[in-house]
N, C-alpha and C. Protein backbone atom coordinates (compact mmCIF):
# COMPACT_ATOMS: atom_id res chain seq x y z
N MET A 1 67.55 75.21 98.21
CA MET A 1 68.41 76.92 98.86
C MET A 1 69.97 76.38 98.65
N GLU A 2 70.54 74.91 99.04
CA GLU A 2 71.18 74.58 99.82
C GLU A 2 72.43 74.89 98.47
N LYS A 3 71.62 73.85 97.68
CA LYS A 3 72.59 73.44 96.86
C LYS A 3 72.88 74.70 95.20
N PHE A 4 71.49 75.62 95.81
CA PHE A 4 72.11 76.56 94.65
C PHE A 4 73.58 77.78 94.97
N PHE A 5 72.88 77.68 96.41
CA PHE A 5 74.46 78.09 97.19
C PHE A 5 75.73 77.31 97.33
N LEU A 6 75.83 75.84 97.04
CA LEU A 6 76.97 75.36 96.73
C LEU A 6 77.25 75.48 95.55
N GLY A 7 76.30 74.89 94.29
CA GLY A 7 76.47 75.34 93.15
C GLY A 7 76.98 76.30 92.57
N ALA A 8 76.76 77.77 92.83
CA ALA A 8 77.58 79.30 93.28
C ALA A 8 79.10 79.09 93.82
N VAL A 9 79.11 78.99 94.71
CA VAL A 9 80.24 78.67 95.29
C VAL A 9 81.36 78.10 94.13
N ILE A 10 80.63 76.20 93.73
CA ILE A 10 81.35 76.01 93.18
C ILE A 10 81.89 76.45 91.87
N GLY A 11 80.86 76.97 91.21
CA GLY A 11 80.81 77.91 90.16
C GLY A 11 82.14 79.09 89.65
N MET A 12 81.65 80.02 90.72
CA MET A 12 82.89 80.54 91.64
C MET A 12 84.09 80.05 91.45
N ALA A 13 84.14 79.80 91.91
CA ALA A 13 85.79 78.74 93.09
C ALA A 13 86.56 78.09 91.48
N ALA A 14 85.88 77.59 90.27
CA ALA A 14 86.05 76.89 89.16
C ALA A 14 85.93 78.18 87.99
N GLY A 15 84.98 79.15 88.28
CA GLY A 15 85.47 80.48 86.97
C GLY A 15 87.09 81.16 87.99
N ALA A 16 87.00 81.20 88.93
CA ALA A 16 87.94 81.98 89.55
C ALA A 16 89.70 81.10 88.85
N VAL A 17 89.81 79.42 88.91
CA VAL A 17 90.77 78.89 88.44
C VAL A 17 90.60 79.42 87.35
N LEU A 18 90.46 79.32 86.28
CA LEU A 18 89.91 79.20 84.99
C LEU A 18 90.83 80.75 84.23
N VAL A 19 90.11 81.56 84.93
CA VAL A 19 91.03 82.85 85.14
C VAL A 19 91.88 83.08 85.46
N ALA A 20 92.48 82.61 86.82
CA ALA A 20 94.15 82.40 86.78
C ALA A 20 95.17 81.56 85.74
N ASN A 21 94.55 80.69 85.52
CA ASN A 21 95.57 80.13 84.69
C ASN A 21 95.68 80.40 83.08
N ASN A 22 93.98 80.92 82.61
CA ASN A 22 94.81 81.73 81.39
C ASN A 22 94.19 82.49 81.22
N CYS A 23 95.46 83.61 80.60
CA CYS A 23 96.09 84.93 80.31
C CYS A 23 95.12 85.13 79.60
N LYS A 24 94.66 85.12 78.11
CA LYS A 24 93.96 85.82 77.49
C LYS A 24 91.82 85.85 78.42
N LEU A 25 91.68 84.87 79.12
CA LEU A 25 90.38 85.06 80.35
C LEU A 25 90.38 86.61 81.02
N ARG A 26 92.28 86.38 81.46
CA ARG A 26 92.49 87.55 82.35
C ARG A 26 92.69 88.45 82.39
N ASN A 27 93.33 88.88 80.85
CA ASN A 27 93.01 90.06 79.86
C ASN A 27 91.74 90.48 79.65
N LEU A 28 90.61 89.40 79.83
CA LEU A 28 89.16 89.88 79.07
C LEU A 28 88.49 90.32 79.97
N VAL A 29 88.87 89.94 81.39
CA VAL A 29 88.51 90.28 82.57
C VAL A 29 88.71 91.74 83.57
N LYS A 30 89.89 91.66 82.90
CA LYS A 30 90.66 93.16 83.27
C LYS A 30 89.83 94.19 82.18
N LYS A 31 89.89 93.83 80.92
CA LYS A 31 88.97 94.83 80.44
C LYS A 31 87.80 94.98 80.79
N ASN A 32 86.97 94.28 81.02
CA ASN A 32 85.66 94.91 81.10
C ASN A 32 85.06 95.05 82.49
N GLN A 33 86.03 95.19 83.72
CA GLN A 33 86.25 95.38 84.48
C GLN A 33 86.51 97.20 84.38
N GLU A 34 87.53 97.67 83.56
CA GLU A 34 87.81 98.78 83.38
C GLU A 34 87.09 99.20 82.35
N ASP A 35 86.07 98.76 81.73
CA ASP A 35 84.68 99.76 80.96
C ASP A 35 84.10 99.40 81.97
N LEU A 36 83.50 98.50 82.33
CA LEU A 36 82.38 99.01 83.70
C LEU A 36 82.66 100.36 84.46
N MET A 37 84.16 100.41 85.46
CA MET A 37 84.27 101.26 86.27
C MET A 37 83.93 102.71 85.08
N GLU A 38 84.18 102.33 84.11
CA GLU A 38 84.44 103.96 82.90
C GLU A 38 83.02 103.99 82.92
N LYS A 39 82.87 103.62 82.83
CA LYS A 39 80.91 103.51 82.61
C LYS A 39 80.13 103.76 83.81
N ALA A 40 80.41 103.76 85.10
CA ALA A 40 79.93 104.13 86.21
C ALA A 40 80.55 105.59 86.07
N GLU A 41 81.71 105.64 86.40
CA GLU A 41 82.43 106.83 86.30
C GLU A 41 81.89 107.50 85.48
N ASN A 42 81.04 107.93 84.52
CA ASN A 42 80.35 108.84 83.52
C ASN A 42 79.01 108.10 84.12
N TYR A 43 78.35 107.61 84.75
CA TYR A 43 76.74 107.28 85.27
C TYR A 43 77.07 108.73 86.58
N ILE A 44 77.72 108.61 87.17
CA ILE A 44 77.87 109.27 88.60
C ILE A 44 78.27 110.79 87.81
N ASP A 45 79.14 111.41 87.02
CA ASP A 45 79.26 112.20 87.03
C ASP A 45 78.44 113.06 86.18
N THR A 46 77.54 112.61 85.34
CA THR A 46 76.27 113.11 84.56
C THR A 46 75.11 113.46 85.94
N LYS A 47 75.20 112.00 86.50
CA LYS A 47 73.83 112.51 88.02
C LYS A 47 74.34 114.08 88.71
N LEU A 48 75.38 113.78 88.90
CA LEU A 48 76.09 115.53 89.29
C LEU A 48 76.10 116.28 88.72
N GLU A 49 76.13 116.77 88.29
CA GLU A 49 75.91 117.31 86.75
C GLU A 49 74.62 118.04 86.34
N GLU A 50 73.49 116.55 86.81
CA GLU A 50 71.74 117.55 87.15
C GLU A 50 71.17 117.68 87.72
N LEU A 51 72.29 116.86 89.63
CA LEU A 51 72.01 117.66 90.41
C LEU A 51 72.52 119.19 90.39
N GLU A 52 73.59 119.15 90.29
CA GLU A 52 74.22 120.55 90.07
C GLU A 52 73.69 121.53 89.25
N LYS A 53 73.08 121.43 88.20
CA LYS A 53 71.75 121.68 87.37
C LYS A 53 70.76 122.28 88.20
N ASN A 54 70.34 121.30 88.57
CA ASN A 54 68.88 121.45 89.74
C ASN A 54 69.10 122.41 91.08
N GLY A 55 70.37 122.22 91.81
CA GLY A 55 70.31 122.71 92.93
C GLY A 55 70.83 124.62 92.21
N ASN A 56 71.36 124.62 90.71
CA ASN A 56 71.15 126.07 90.96
C ASN A 56 70.06 126.66 90.44
N SER A 57 69.03 125.71 89.62
CA SER A 57 67.93 126.66 89.53
C SER A 57 67.28 126.47 90.16
N LYS A 58 66.64 126.24 91.50
CA LYS A 58 66.61 126.52 92.44
C LYS A 58 66.51 127.45 93.17
N LYS A 59 68.20 127.52 93.37
CA LYS A 59 69.04 128.80 93.98
C LYS A 59 68.01 129.74 93.33
N SER A 60 68.24 130.37 92.17
CA SER A 60 67.93 130.97 91.19
C SER A 60 66.60 131.59 91.82
N ALA A 61 65.79 130.65 91.15
CA ALA A 61 64.15 130.79 91.84
C ALA A 61 63.93 131.22 92.78
N ALA A 62 65.08 130.76 94.29
CA ALA A 62 64.49 131.23 95.63
C ALA A 62 64.71 132.64 95.80
N LYS A 63 65.90 133.01 94.75
CA LYS A 63 66.61 134.38 94.63
C LYS A 63 65.90 135.23 94.15
N SER A 64 65.13 134.97 93.13
CA SER A 64 64.41 135.52 92.19
C SER A 64 62.72 135.66 92.83
N ALA A 65 62.25 134.73 94.33
CA ALA A 65 61.28 135.06 94.66
C ALA A 65 61.71 136.18 95.90
N GLU A 66 62.74 136.25 96.06
CA GLU A 66 62.96 137.02 97.35
C GLU A 66 62.51 138.73 96.80
């Protein structure tokens, strides 16, 4: 287990050094981060819309039951 964590830490450090020293890799990382953030925002927006629709339908159903 200790060897795994040591390998993971060394791998992350080596990756950080490569990205810091290579402009193409840095731009690739930035692009992928932006894409990931955009996908996450779209996912959150769709989930919020679904919750709003479910909340509105429950409210209208409760009003019609009264």
